[in-house]
Amino acid sequence: MVESPEYSVEFEDGTFEIRNYGHYVLAQVDVEGDFDDAIGKGFSILANYIFGANRKHSKINMTAPVSEEEVSSSKGGSEKISMTVPVTGERREENIYRISFTMPKEYGLENLPEPDDDRIKFKEIKNQRALVLKFSGRVKKDMARKKMDEMIKYMDKNGIKSKSNLVVAQYNNPLVPGFLRRNEIIVEI
């Protein structure tokens, strides 16, 4: 089984959960493109890093999830809770997406190998409380938009305020059939 960040469930409501995460580190890269292309571009860059494209030539175990969030749009500036982690126009409008891999728990900022690619940055997460929407299927732009809208409606209905952008998290390799796939929309609260 692939390693994922450890958490405890504080509250459950159907497909929604409030989780408390401990400590973990993300390797992140920002890429331009649309939602569906960005995950592939970012995945390749981060996969090269964990497969040995780092100063120590160390291989790092793959973990889950692979996450995607929109951090800015050509329409101008960053968006707090935006449609796409996770859109469009006659001229192709490029968005900037942040793709993240969770590092194995034995790694902290102090012992991760330095990446050969300087586009890769690290972010340490400590004691995060998050609202999570669980769902299955193959995640494409339209599904991400639908699930993010569902998350926003749930937050509005329940008076929940976000502290971050919405993030689309995918846990399975591409060979897993859609109905068996584990996906989530995650937002820090």
N, C-alpha and C. Protein backbone atom coordinates (compact mmCIF):
# COMPACT_ATOMS: atom_id res chain seq x y z
N MET A 1 0.84 -1.19 0.00
CA MET A 1 0.00 0.00 0.00
C MET A 1 0.89 1.25 0.00
N VAL A 2 0.49 2.24 -0.77
CA VAL A 2 1.26 3.48 -0.89
C VAL A 2 1.02 4.35 0.35
N GLU A 3 2.10 4.93 0.85
CA GLU A 3 2.03 5.80 2.03
C GLU A 3 1.28 7.09 1.71
N SER A 4 0.46 7.53 2.67
CA SER A 4 -0.26 8.80 2.61
C SER A 4 -0.09 9.53 3.93
N PRO A 5 -0.35 10.84 3.96
CA PRO A 5 -0.26 11.55 5.24
C PRO A 5 -1.23 10.97 6.27
N GLU A 6 -0.78 10.88 7.50
CA GLU A 6 -1.62 10.34 8.56
C GLU A 6 -2.58 11.43 9.05
N TYR A 7 -3.79 11.00 9.42
CA TYR A 7 -4.79 11.94 9.92
C TYR A 7 -5.78 11.21 10.82
N SER A 8 -6.51 11.99 11.60
CA SER A 8 -7.64 11.47 12.37
C SER A 8 -8.89 12.18 11.87
N VAL A 9 -10.02 11.48 11.94
CA VAL A 9 -11.29 12.05 11.49
C VAL A 9 -12.01 12.63 12.70
N GLU A 10 -12.28 13.92 12.64
CA GLU A 10 -12.98 14.63 13.71
C GLU A 10 -14.49 14.55 13.54
N PHE A 11 -14.95 14.55 12.27
CA PHE A 11 -16.38 14.64 11.98
C PHE A 11 -16.64 14.03 10.61
N GLU A 12 -17.76 13.31 10.46
CA GLU A 12 -18.17 12.75 9.17
C GLU A 12 -19.60 13.15 8.86
N ASP A 13 -19.85 13.46 7.59
CA ASP A 13 -21.19 13.79 7.12
C ASP A 13 -21.28 13.30 5.68
N GLY A 14 -21.69 12.05 5.50
CA GLY A 14 -21.75 11.47 4.16
C GLY A 14 -20.37 11.38 3.55
N THR A 15 -20.18 12.07 2.42
CA THR A 15 -18.88 12.04 1.74
C THR A 15 -17.94 13.14 2.22
N PHE A 16 -18.36 13.90 3.22
CA PHE A 16 -17.53 14.97 3.79
C PHE A 16 -16.93 14.52 5.11
N GLU A 17 -15.70 14.95 5.35
CA GLU A 17 -15.02 14.70 6.63
C GLU A 17 -14.26 15.96 7.04
N ILE A 18 -14.15 16.15 8.35
CA ILE A 18 -13.18 17.11 8.88
C ILE A 18 -12.05 16.27 9.45
N ARG A 19 -10.84 16.52 8.96
CA ARG A 19 -9.66 15.75 9.35
C ARG A 19 -8.64 16.63 10.03
N ASN A 20 -7.87 15.99 10.89
CA ASN A 20 -6.71 16.62 11.53
C ASN A 20 -5.46 15.87 11.09
N TYR A 21 -4.61 16.57 10.34
CA TYR A 21 -3.36 16.00 9.86
C TYR A 21 -2.24 16.40 10.80
N GLY A 22 -1.24 15.54 10.93
CA GLY A 22 -0.05 15.84 11.73
C GLY A 22 0.96 16.61 10.92
N HIS A 23 2.12 16.03 10.73
CA HIS A 23 3.24 16.68 10.05
C HIS A 23 3.55 15.93 8.76
N TYR A 24 3.75 16.67 7.67
CA TYR A 24 4.24 16.09 6.43
C TYR A 24 4.84 17.19 5.57
N VAL A 25 5.58 16.78 4.55
CA VAL A 25 6.25 17.72 3.65
C VAL A 25 5.78 17.46 2.23
N LEU A 26 5.55 18.54 1.49
CA LEU A 26 5.17 18.46 0.08
C LEU A 26 6.33 18.91 -0.80
N ALA A 27 6.55 18.20 -1.90
CA ALA A 27 7.40 18.70 -2.99
C ALA A 27 6.42 19.28 -4.00
N GLN A 28 6.67 20.52 -4.44
CA GLN A 28 5.71 21.22 -5.29
C GLN A 28 6.38 21.85 -6.49
N VAL A 29 5.62 21.94 -7.57
CA VAL A 29 6.09 22.64 -8.76
C VAL A 29 4.90 23.37 -9.38
N ASP A 30 5.12 24.59 -9.84
CA ASP A 30 4.08 25.36 -10.52
C ASP A 30 4.27 25.19 -12.02
N VAL A 31 3.16 24.88 -12.72
CA VAL A 31 3.20 24.69 -14.16
C VAL A 31 2.06 25.45 -14.81
N GLU A 32 2.28 25.88 -16.05
CA GLU A 32 1.24 26.56 -16.82
C GLU A 32 0.49 25.54 -17.65
N GLY A 33 -0.78 25.82 -17.89
CA GLY A 33 -1.59 24.97 -18.74
C GLY A 33 -3.02 24.97 -18.28
N ASP A 34 -3.81 24.09 -18.88
CA ASP A 34 -5.16 23.95 -18.37
C ASP A 34 -5.16 22.82 -17.34
N PHE A 35 -6.27 22.65 -16.67
CA PHE A 35 -6.36 21.68 -15.57
C PHE A 35 -5.89 20.30 -16.00
N ASP A 36 -6.39 19.83 -17.14
CA ASP A 36 -6.11 18.46 -17.56
C ASP A 36 -4.66 18.24 -17.98
N ASP A 37 -4.01 19.26 -18.52
CA ASP A 37 -2.60 19.12 -18.93
C ASP A 37 -1.62 19.35 -17.79
N ALA A 38 -1.99 20.21 -16.86
CA ALA A 38 -1.06 20.60 -15.79
C ALA A 38 -0.63 19.42 -14.93
N ILE A 39 -1.55 18.53 -14.61
CA ILE A 39 -1.20 17.40 -13.74
C ILE A 39 -0.11 16.55 -14.38
N GLY A 40 -0.19 16.32 -15.69
CA GLY A 40 0.83 15.53 -16.38
C GLY A 40 2.18 16.22 -16.40
N LYS A 41 2.18 17.53 -16.68
CA LYS A 41 3.44 18.28 -16.70
C LYS A 41 4.11 18.28 -15.33
N GLY A 42 3.33 18.60 -14.31
CA GLY A 42 3.89 18.66 -12.96
C GLY A 42 4.31 17.30 -12.45
N PHE A 43 3.50 16.28 -12.77
CA PHE A 43 3.83 14.92 -12.34
C PHE A 43 5.19 14.51 -12.89
N SER A 44 5.44 14.79 -14.16
CA SER A 44 6.72 14.41 -14.78
C SER A 44 7.91 15.06 -14.08
N ILE A 45 7.78 16.34 -13.77
CA ILE A 45 8.87 17.06 -13.10
C ILE A 45 9.14 16.46 -11.73
N LEU A 46 8.06 16.24 -10.95
CA LEU A 46 8.22 15.71 -9.59
C LEU A 46 8.66 14.24 -9.61
N ALA A 47 8.16 13.47 -10.58
CA ALA A 47 8.58 12.06 -10.68
C ALA A 47 10.07 11.97 -10.97
N ASN A 48 10.57 12.83 -11.84
CA ASN A 48 12.02 12.84 -12.11
C ASN A 48 12.80 13.06 -10.82
N TYR A 49 12.32 13.98 -9.99
CA TYR A 49 12.99 14.26 -8.71
C TYR A 49 13.03 13.01 -7.83
N ILE A 50 11.88 12.36 -7.63
CA ILE A 50 11.88 11.21 -6.71
C ILE A 50 12.57 9.99 -7.31
N PHE A 51 12.71 9.96 -8.64
CA PHE A 51 13.40 8.83 -9.27
C PHE A 51 14.90 9.06 -9.37
N GLY A 52 15.41 10.16 -8.78
CA GLY A 52 16.86 10.34 -8.71
C GLY A 52 17.42 11.62 -9.28
N ALA A 53 16.59 12.50 -9.84
CA ALA A 53 17.09 13.77 -10.38
C ALA A 53 17.24 14.77 -9.24
N ASN A 54 18.19 14.44 -8.36
CA ASN A 54 18.49 15.29 -7.21
C ASN A 54 19.98 15.20 -6.93
N ARG A 55 20.49 16.10 -6.10
CA ARG A 55 21.94 16.21 -5.88
C ARG A 55 22.56 14.92 -5.34
N LYS A 56 21.79 14.14 -4.59
CA LYS A 56 22.31 12.89 -4.03
C LYS A 56 22.01 11.69 -4.93
N HIS A 57 21.30 11.90 -6.02
CA HIS A 57 20.85 10.83 -6.91
C HIS A 57 20.08 9.76 -6.14
N SER A 58 19.37 10.20 -5.09
CA SER A 58 18.58 9.29 -4.25
C SER A 58 17.22 9.05 -4.86
N LYS A 59 16.76 7.81 -4.74
CA LYS A 59 15.40 7.49 -5.12
C LYS A 59 14.53 7.63 -3.87
N ILE A 60 13.36 8.23 -4.05
CA ILE A 60 12.42 8.45 -2.96
C ILE A 60 11.15 7.69 -3.30
N ASN A 61 10.59 6.96 -2.33
CA ASN A 61 9.38 6.19 -2.59
C ASN A 61 8.22 7.09 -3.00
N MET A 62 7.41 6.59 -3.93
CA MET A 62 6.20 7.29 -4.35
C MET A 62 5.18 7.20 -3.22
N THR A 63 4.48 8.28 -2.98
CA THR A 63 3.43 8.33 -1.98
C THR A 63 2.16 8.86 -2.64
N ALA A 64 1.09 8.96 -1.89
CA ALA A 64 -0.16 9.52 -2.39
C ALA A 64 -0.65 10.54 -1.36
N PRO A 65 -1.41 11.50 -1.77
CA PRO A 65 -1.91 11.72 -3.12
C PRO A 65 -0.97 12.58 -3.96
N VAL A 66 -1.31 12.67 -5.25
CA VAL A 66 -0.76 13.70 -6.12
C VAL A 66 -1.84 14.78 -6.12
N SER A 67 -1.46 16.01 -5.81
CA SER A 67 -2.44 17.08 -5.64
C SER A 67 -2.25 18.18 -6.66
N GLU A 68 -3.36 18.86 -6.97
CA GLU A 68 -3.35 19.95 -7.94
C GLU A 68 -4.22 21.08 -7.42
N GLU A 69 -3.68 22.30 -7.44
CA GLU A 69 -4.47 23.47 -7.09
C GLU A 69 -4.13 24.60 -8.04
N GLU A 70 -5.14 25.39 -8.38
CA GLU A 70 -4.89 26.57 -9.21
C GLU A 70 -4.37 27.67 -8.32
N VAL A 71 -3.23 28.24 -8.68
CA VAL A 71 -2.66 29.31 -7.87
C VAL A 71 -2.77 30.66 -8.55
N SER A 72 -2.94 30.70 -9.88
CA SER A 72 -3.23 31.97 -10.55
C SER A 72 -3.74 31.69 -11.94
N SER A 73 -4.29 32.73 -12.52
CA SER A 73 -4.92 32.63 -13.82
C SER A 73 -4.47 33.80 -14.67
N SER A 74 -4.49 33.61 -15.99
CA SER A 74 -4.12 34.71 -16.88
C SER A 74 -5.16 35.83 -16.81
N LYS A 75 -6.29 35.55 -16.18
CA LYS A 75 -7.31 36.58 -16.00
C LYS A 75 -6.88 37.57 -14.94
N GLY A 76 -5.80 37.25 -14.22
CA GLY A 76 -5.25 38.20 -13.27
C GLY A 76 -5.30 37.73 -11.84
N GLY A 77 -4.13 37.56 -11.25
CA GLY A 77 -4.01 37.33 -9.82
C GLY A 77 -4.41 35.96 -9.35
N SER A 78 -4.19 35.73 -8.07
CA SER A 78 -4.56 34.45 -7.49
C SER A 78 -5.99 34.52 -7.00
N GLU A 79 -6.59 33.37 -6.84
CA GLU A 79 -7.98 33.29 -6.43
C GLU A 79 -8.06 32.49 -5.15
N LYS A 80 -8.80 33.00 -4.17
CA LYS A 80 -8.88 32.34 -2.87
C LYS A 80 -9.57 30.99 -2.99
N ILE A 81 -10.85 30.96 -3.34
CA ILE A 81 -11.51 29.70 -3.63
C ILE A 81 -11.95 29.83 -5.06
N SER A 82 -11.17 29.26 -5.93
CA SER A 82 -11.42 29.45 -7.33
C SER A 82 -12.02 28.21 -7.91
N MET A 83 -12.58 28.36 -9.06
CA MET A 83 -13.05 27.18 -9.73
C MET A 83 -11.91 26.22 -9.88
N THR A 84 -11.03 26.31 -10.55
CA THR A 84 -10.29 25.15 -10.90
C THR A 84 -9.08 24.86 -10.13
N VAL A 85 -9.13 23.97 -9.44
CA VAL A 85 -7.89 23.41 -9.18
C VAL A 85 -7.66 22.83 -10.45
N PRO A 86 -7.50 23.36 -9.45
CA PRO A 86 -8.48 22.98 -10.02
C PRO A 86 -9.66 23.62 -10.03
N VAL A 87 -9.47 28.11 -17.62
CA VAL A 87 -10.54 27.50 -18.05
C VAL A 87 -10.70 27.99 -19.34
N THR A 88 -9.93 28.93 -20.19
CA THR A 88 -10.72 28.85 -21.38
C THR A 88 -10.68 30.13 -22.19
N GLY A 89 -11.22 30.20 -23.33
CA GLY A 89 -11.28 31.40 -24.12
C GLY A 89 -10.89 31.12 -25.54
N GLU A 90 -11.14 32.07 -26.41
CA GLU A 90 -10.78 31.89 -27.81
C GLU A 90 -9.27 31.74 -27.91
N ARG A 91 -8.57 32.68 -27.31
CA ARG A 91 -7.14 32.52 -27.15
C ARG A 91 -6.98 31.65 -25.92
N ARG A 92 -6.19 30.62 -25.98
CA ARG A 92 -6.05 29.71 -24.85
C ARG A 92 -5.49 30.45 -23.65
N GLU A 93 -6.29 30.53 -22.61
CA GLU A 93 -5.84 31.19 -21.39
C GLU A 93 -5.15 30.17 -20.51
N GLU A 94 -3.95 30.47 -20.15
CA GLU A 94 -3.17 29.55 -19.33
C GLU A 94 -3.33 29.91 -17.86
N ASN A 95 -3.53 28.90 -17.07
CA ASN A 95 -3.57 29.07 -15.62
C ASN A 95 -2.29 28.48 -15.07
N ILE A 96 -1.96 28.85 -13.86
CA ILE A 96 -0.82 28.25 -13.19
C ILE A 96 -1.35 27.35 -12.09
N TYR A 97 -0.92 26.11 -12.16
CA TYR A 97 -1.34 25.09 -11.20
C TYR A 97 -0.14 24.64 -10.40
N ARG A 98 -0.37 24.40 -9.13
CA ARG A 98 0.68 23.86 -8.25
C ARG A 98 0.40 22.38 -8.08
N ILE A 99 1.34 21.56 -8.56
CA ILE A 99 1.25 20.11 -8.44
C ILE A 99 2.14 19.70 -7.27
N SER A 100 1.62 18.81 -6.42
CA SER A 100 2.34 18.42 -5.20
C SER A 100 2.41 16.92 -5.04
N PHE A 101 3.55 16.45 -4.58
CA PHE A 101 3.74 15.08 -4.11
C PHE A 101 3.98 15.17 -2.61
N THR A 102 3.37 14.28 -1.86
CA THR A 102 3.66 14.17 -0.43
C THR A 102 4.93 13.35 -0.28
N MET A 103 5.87 13.84 0.50
CA MET A 103 7.12 13.11 0.73
C MET A 103 6.90 12.05 1.82
N PRO A 104 7.64 10.92 1.73
CA PRO A 104 7.53 9.90 2.78
C PRO A 104 7.81 10.50 4.15
N LYS A 105 7.18 9.92 5.18
CA LYS A 105 7.25 10.53 6.52
C LYS A 105 8.65 10.58 7.11
N GLU A 106 9.59 9.78 6.59
CA GLU A 106 10.96 9.85 7.14
C GLU A 106 11.70 11.11 6.70
N TYR A 107 11.09 11.88 5.78
CA TYR A 107 11.74 13.10 5.30
C TYR A 107 11.14 14.34 5.93
N GLY A 108 12.03 15.25 6.32
CA GLY A 108 11.67 16.60 6.73
C GLY A 108 12.42 17.55 5.82
N LEU A 109 12.23 18.83 6.01
CA LEU A 109 12.93 19.81 5.17
C LEU A 109 14.44 19.67 5.28
N GLU A 110 14.91 19.21 6.44
CA GLU A 110 16.36 19.14 6.69
C GLU A 110 17.05 17.97 5.99
N ASN A 111 16.32 16.92 5.62
CA ASN A 111 17.01 15.76 5.03
C ASN A 111 16.52 15.36 3.64
N LEU A 112 15.72 16.19 3.01
CA LEU A 112 15.33 15.91 1.62
C LEU A 112 16.48 16.26 0.69
N PRO A 113 16.76 15.41 -0.29
CA PRO A 113 17.82 15.76 -1.24
C PRO A 113 17.44 17.00 -2.06
N GLU A 114 18.42 17.82 -2.33
CA GLU A 114 18.18 19.03 -3.12
C GLU A 114 17.86 18.65 -4.56
N PRO A 115 16.77 19.18 -5.12
CA PRO A 115 16.41 18.81 -6.50
C PRO A 115 17.37 19.39 -7.53
N ASP A 116 17.58 18.66 -8.62
CA ASP A 116 18.34 19.19 -9.75
C ASP A 116 17.55 20.32 -10.43
N ASP A 117 16.23 20.23 -10.40
CA ASP A 117 15.35 21.20 -11.04
C ASP A 117 14.95 22.26 -10.01
N ASP A 118 15.39 23.49 -10.23
CA ASP A 118 15.13 24.54 -9.23
C ASP A 118 13.68 25.03 -9.23
N ARG A 119 12.83 24.50 -10.09
CA ARG A 119 11.40 24.83 -10.03
C ARG A 119 10.71 24.11 -8.88
N ILE A 120 11.34 23.06 -8.36
CA ILE A 120 10.74 22.28 -7.27
C ILE A 120 11.01 22.98 -5.94
N LYS A 121 9.95 23.19 -5.20
CA LYS A 121 10.02 23.82 -3.87
C LYS A 121 9.40 22.86 -2.86
N PHE A 122 9.69 23.08 -1.59
CA PHE A 122 9.16 22.23 -0.52
C PHE A 122 8.31 23.07 0.43
N LYS A 123 7.28 22.44 0.96
CA LYS A 123 6.40 23.09 1.92
C LYS A 123 6.13 22.13 3.06
N GLU A 124 6.34 22.60 4.27
CA GLU A 124 6.11 21.79 5.46
C GLU A 124 4.70 22.08 5.98
N ILE A 125 3.95 21.02 6.25
CA ILE A 125 2.60 21.14 6.80
C ILE A 125 2.63 20.60 8.23
N LYS A 126 2.10 21.40 9.16
CA LYS A 126 2.06 20.97 10.56
C LYS A 126 0.67 21.21 11.11
N ASN A 127 0.11 20.17 11.73
CA ASN A 127 -1.16 20.29 12.44
C ASN A 127 -2.23 21.01 11.62
N GLN A 128 -2.56 20.43 10.49
CA GLN A 128 -3.54 21.03 9.59
C GLN A 128 -4.92 20.43 9.85
N ARG A 129 -5.92 21.30 9.91
CA ARG A 129 -7.31 20.88 10.01
C ARG A 129 -7.93 21.14 8.65
N ALA A 130 -8.59 20.13 8.08
CA ALA A 130 -9.08 20.26 6.71
C ALA A 130 -10.47 19.67 6.55
N LEU A 131 -11.23 20.28 5.65
CA LEU A 131 -12.50 19.73 5.20
C LEU A 131 -12.21 18.96 3.92
N VAL A 132 -12.75 17.75 3.83
CA VAL A 132 -12.45 16.86 2.71
C VAL A 132 -13.76 16.35 2.11
N LEU A 133 -13.86 16.36 0.79
CA LEU A 133 -14.96 15.75 0.05
C LEU A 133 -14.38 14.56 -0.70
N LYS A 134 -14.88 13.36 -0.40
CA LYS A 134 -14.38 12.13 -1.02
C LYS A 134 -15.25 11.79 -2.23
N PHE A 135 -14.60 11.31 -3.32
CA PHE A 135 -15.35 10.89 -4.50
C PHE A 135 -14.50 9.96 -5.35
N SER A 136 -15.15 9.27 -6.29
CA SER A 136 -14.42 8.37 -7.19
C SER A 136 -14.58 8.88 -8.63
N GLY A 137 -13.91 8.21 -9.55
CA GLY A 137 -13.98 8.57 -10.96
C GLY A 137 -12.65 9.09 -11.48
N ARG A 138 -12.60 9.30 -12.79
CA ARG A 138 -11.41 9.89 -13.42
C ARG A 138 -11.56 11.40 -13.36
N VAL A 139 -10.60 12.06 -12.76
CA VAL A 139 -10.71 13.50 -12.55
C VAL A 139 -10.25 14.25 -13.79
N LYS A 140 -11.19 14.98 -14.36
CA LYS A 140 -10.93 15.92 -15.45
C LYS A 140 -11.49 17.27 -15.01
N LYS A 141 -11.26 18.29 -15.81
CA LYS A 141 -11.65 19.65 -15.46
C LYS A 141 -13.12 19.76 -15.05
N ASP A 142 -14.03 19.18 -15.83
CA ASP A 142 -15.46 19.32 -15.52
C ASP A 142 -15.83 18.65 -14.21
N MET A 143 -15.28 17.46 -13.95
CA MET A 143 -15.56 16.79 -12.68
C MET A 143 -14.99 17.61 -11.52
N ALA A 144 -13.77 18.12 -11.68
CA ALA A 144 -13.16 18.92 -10.62
C ALA A 144 -14.03 20.14 -10.32
N ARG A 145 -14.51 20.81 -11.36
CA ARG A 145 -15.37 21.99 -11.17
C ARG A 145 -16.62 21.60 -10.40
N LYS A 146 -17.26 20.51 -10.79
CA LYS A 146 -18.49 20.05 -10.14
C LYS A 146 -18.24 19.75 -8.65
N LYS A 147 -17.18 19.04 -8.36
CA LYS A 147 -16.89 18.68 -6.96
C LYS A 147 -16.47 19.89 -6.14
N MET A 148 -15.76 20.83 -6.75
CA MET A 148 -15.38 22.04 -6.04
C MET A 148 -16.61 22.89 -5.73
N ASP A 149 -17.53 22.95 -6.69
CA ASP A 149 -18.79 23.67 -6.44
C ASP A 149 -19.56 23.01 -5.29
N GLU A 150 -19.57 21.69 -5.26
CA GLU A 150 -20.22 20.95 -4.18
C GLU A 150 -19.57 21.29 -2.83
N MET A 151 -18.26 21.36 -2.81
CA MET A 151 -17.53 21.71 -1.59
C MET A 151 -17.89 23.13 -1.14
N ILE A 152 -17.90 24.08 -2.06
CA ILE A 152 -18.20 25.47 -1.73
C ILE A 152 -19.62 25.59 -1.17
N LYS A 153 -20.57 24.90 -1.79
CA LYS A 153 -21.96 24.93 -1.29
C LYS A 153 -22.04 24.36 0.12
N TYR A 154 -21.33 23.27 0.37
CA TYR A 154 -21.33 22.66 1.71
C TYR A 154 -20.73 23.63 2.73
N MET A 155 -19.65 24.28 2.36
CA MET A 155 -19.01 25.23 3.27
C MET A 155 -19.95 26.41 3.56
N ASP A 156 -20.59 26.94 2.52
CA ASP A 156 -21.52 28.06 2.70
C ASP A 156 -22.69 27.66 3.59
N LYS A 157 -23.26 26.50 3.33
CA LYS A 157 -24.41 26.01 4.09
C LYS A 157 -24.07 25.82 5.57
N ASN A 158 -22.83 25.42 5.86
CA ASN A 158 -22.43 25.10 7.23
C ASN A 158 -21.56 26.17 7.89
N GLY A 159 -21.41 27.32 7.23
CA GLY A 159 -20.65 28.42 7.81
C GLY A 159 -19.18 28.12 8.02
N ILE A 160 -18.59 27.33 7.13
CA ILE A 160 -17.19 26.94 7.24
C ILE A 160 -16.34 27.89 6.39
N LYS A 161 -15.32 28.46 6.97
CA LYS A 161 -14.42 29.39 6.28
C LYS A 161 -13.13 28.68 5.90
N SER A 162 -12.65 28.97 4.70
CA SER A 162 -11.42 28.34 4.22
C SER A 162 -10.20 29.18 4.59
N LYS A 163 -9.07 28.49 4.73
CA LYS A 163 -7.78 29.15 4.95
C LYS A 163 -6.84 28.90 3.77
N SER A 164 -7.33 28.22 2.73
CA SER A 164 -6.47 27.86 1.59
C SER A 164 -7.31 27.75 0.33
N ASN A 165 -6.64 27.57 -0.79
CA ASN A 165 -7.31 27.21 -2.03
C ASN A 165 -7.85 25.79 -1.91
N LEU A 166 -8.82 25.48 -2.75
CA LEU A 166 -9.28 24.10 -2.85
C LEU A 166 -8.24 23.30 -3.62
N VAL A 167 -8.00 22.08 -3.17
CA VAL A 167 -6.99 21.20 -3.76
C VAL A 167 -7.67 19.93 -4.23
N VAL A 168 -7.34 19.47 -5.43
CA VAL A 168 -7.81 18.18 -5.93
C VAL A 168 -6.71 17.17 -5.66
N ALA A 169 -7.05 16.12 -4.91
CA ALA A 169 -6.07 15.08 -4.55
C ALA A 169 -6.47 13.77 -5.20
N GLN A 170 -5.50 13.14 -5.88
CA GLN A 170 -5.73 11.86 -6.55
C GLN A 170 -4.77 10.83 -5.97
N TYR A 171 -5.31 9.67 -5.59
CA TYR A 171 -4.55 8.68 -4.85
C TYR A 171 -4.10 7.47 -5.67
N ASN A 172 -4.63 7.26 -6.85
CA ASN A 172 -4.38 6.02 -7.57
C ASN A 172 -3.53 6.21 -8.81
N ASN A 173 -2.89 5.10 -9.23
CA ASN A 173 -2.15 5.15 -10.48
C ASN A 173 -3.15 5.13 -11.64
N PRO A 174 -2.72 5.54 -12.82
CA PRO A 174 -3.63 5.67 -13.96
C PRO A 174 -4.32 4.38 -14.41
N LEU A 175 -3.80 3.22 -14.02
CA LEU A 175 -4.40 1.96 -14.46
C LEU A 175 -5.63 1.55 -13.66
N VAL A 176 -5.88 2.20 -12.53
CA VAL A 176 -7.03 1.85 -11.69
C VAL A 176 -8.30 2.37 -12.37
N PRO A 177 -9.33 1.50 -12.54
CA PRO A 177 -10.58 1.94 -13.17
C PRO A 177 -11.23 3.08 -12.39
N GLY A 178 -11.93 3.95 -13.10
CA GLY A 178 -12.54 5.14 -12.50
C GLY A 178 -13.39 4.87 -11.28
N PHE A 179 -14.24 3.84 -11.33
CA PHE A 179 -15.15 3.59 -10.21
C PHE A 179 -14.42 3.12 -8.95
N LEU A 180 -13.15 2.71 -9.08
CA LEU A 180 -12.36 2.28 -7.92
C LEU A 180 -11.38 3.35 -7.44
N ARG A 181 -11.35 4.48 -8.13
CA ARG A 181 -10.37 5.51 -7.82
C ARG A 181 -10.76 6.30 -6.58
N ARG A 182 -9.77 6.66 -5.79
CA ARG A 182 -9.96 7.49 -4.60
C ARG A 182 -9.48 8.90 -4.91
N ASN A 183 -10.39 9.85 -4.83
CA ASN A 183 -10.09 11.26 -5.06
C ASN A 183 -10.70 12.08 -3.94
N GLU A 184 -10.17 13.28 -3.76
CA GLU A 184 -10.69 14.16 -2.73
C GLU A 184 -10.52 15.62 -3.14
N ILE A 185 -11.44 16.45 -2.67
CA ILE A 185 -11.24 17.90 -2.67
C ILE A 185 -10.89 18.23 -1.23
N ILE A 186 -9.80 18.96 -1.02
CA ILE A 186 -9.32 19.26 0.33
C ILE A 186 -9.15 20.77 0.47
N VAL A 187 -9.59 21.30 1.60
CA VAL A 187 -9.38 22.72 1.90
C VAL A 187 -9.05 22.85 3.38
N GLU A 188 -8.04 23.66 3.67
CA GLU A 188 -7.70 23.91 5.07
C GLU A 188 -8.75 24.81 5.69
N ILE A 189 -9.16 24.47 6.92
CA ILE A 189 -10.17 25.28 7.62
C ILE A 189 -9.66 25.68 9.00
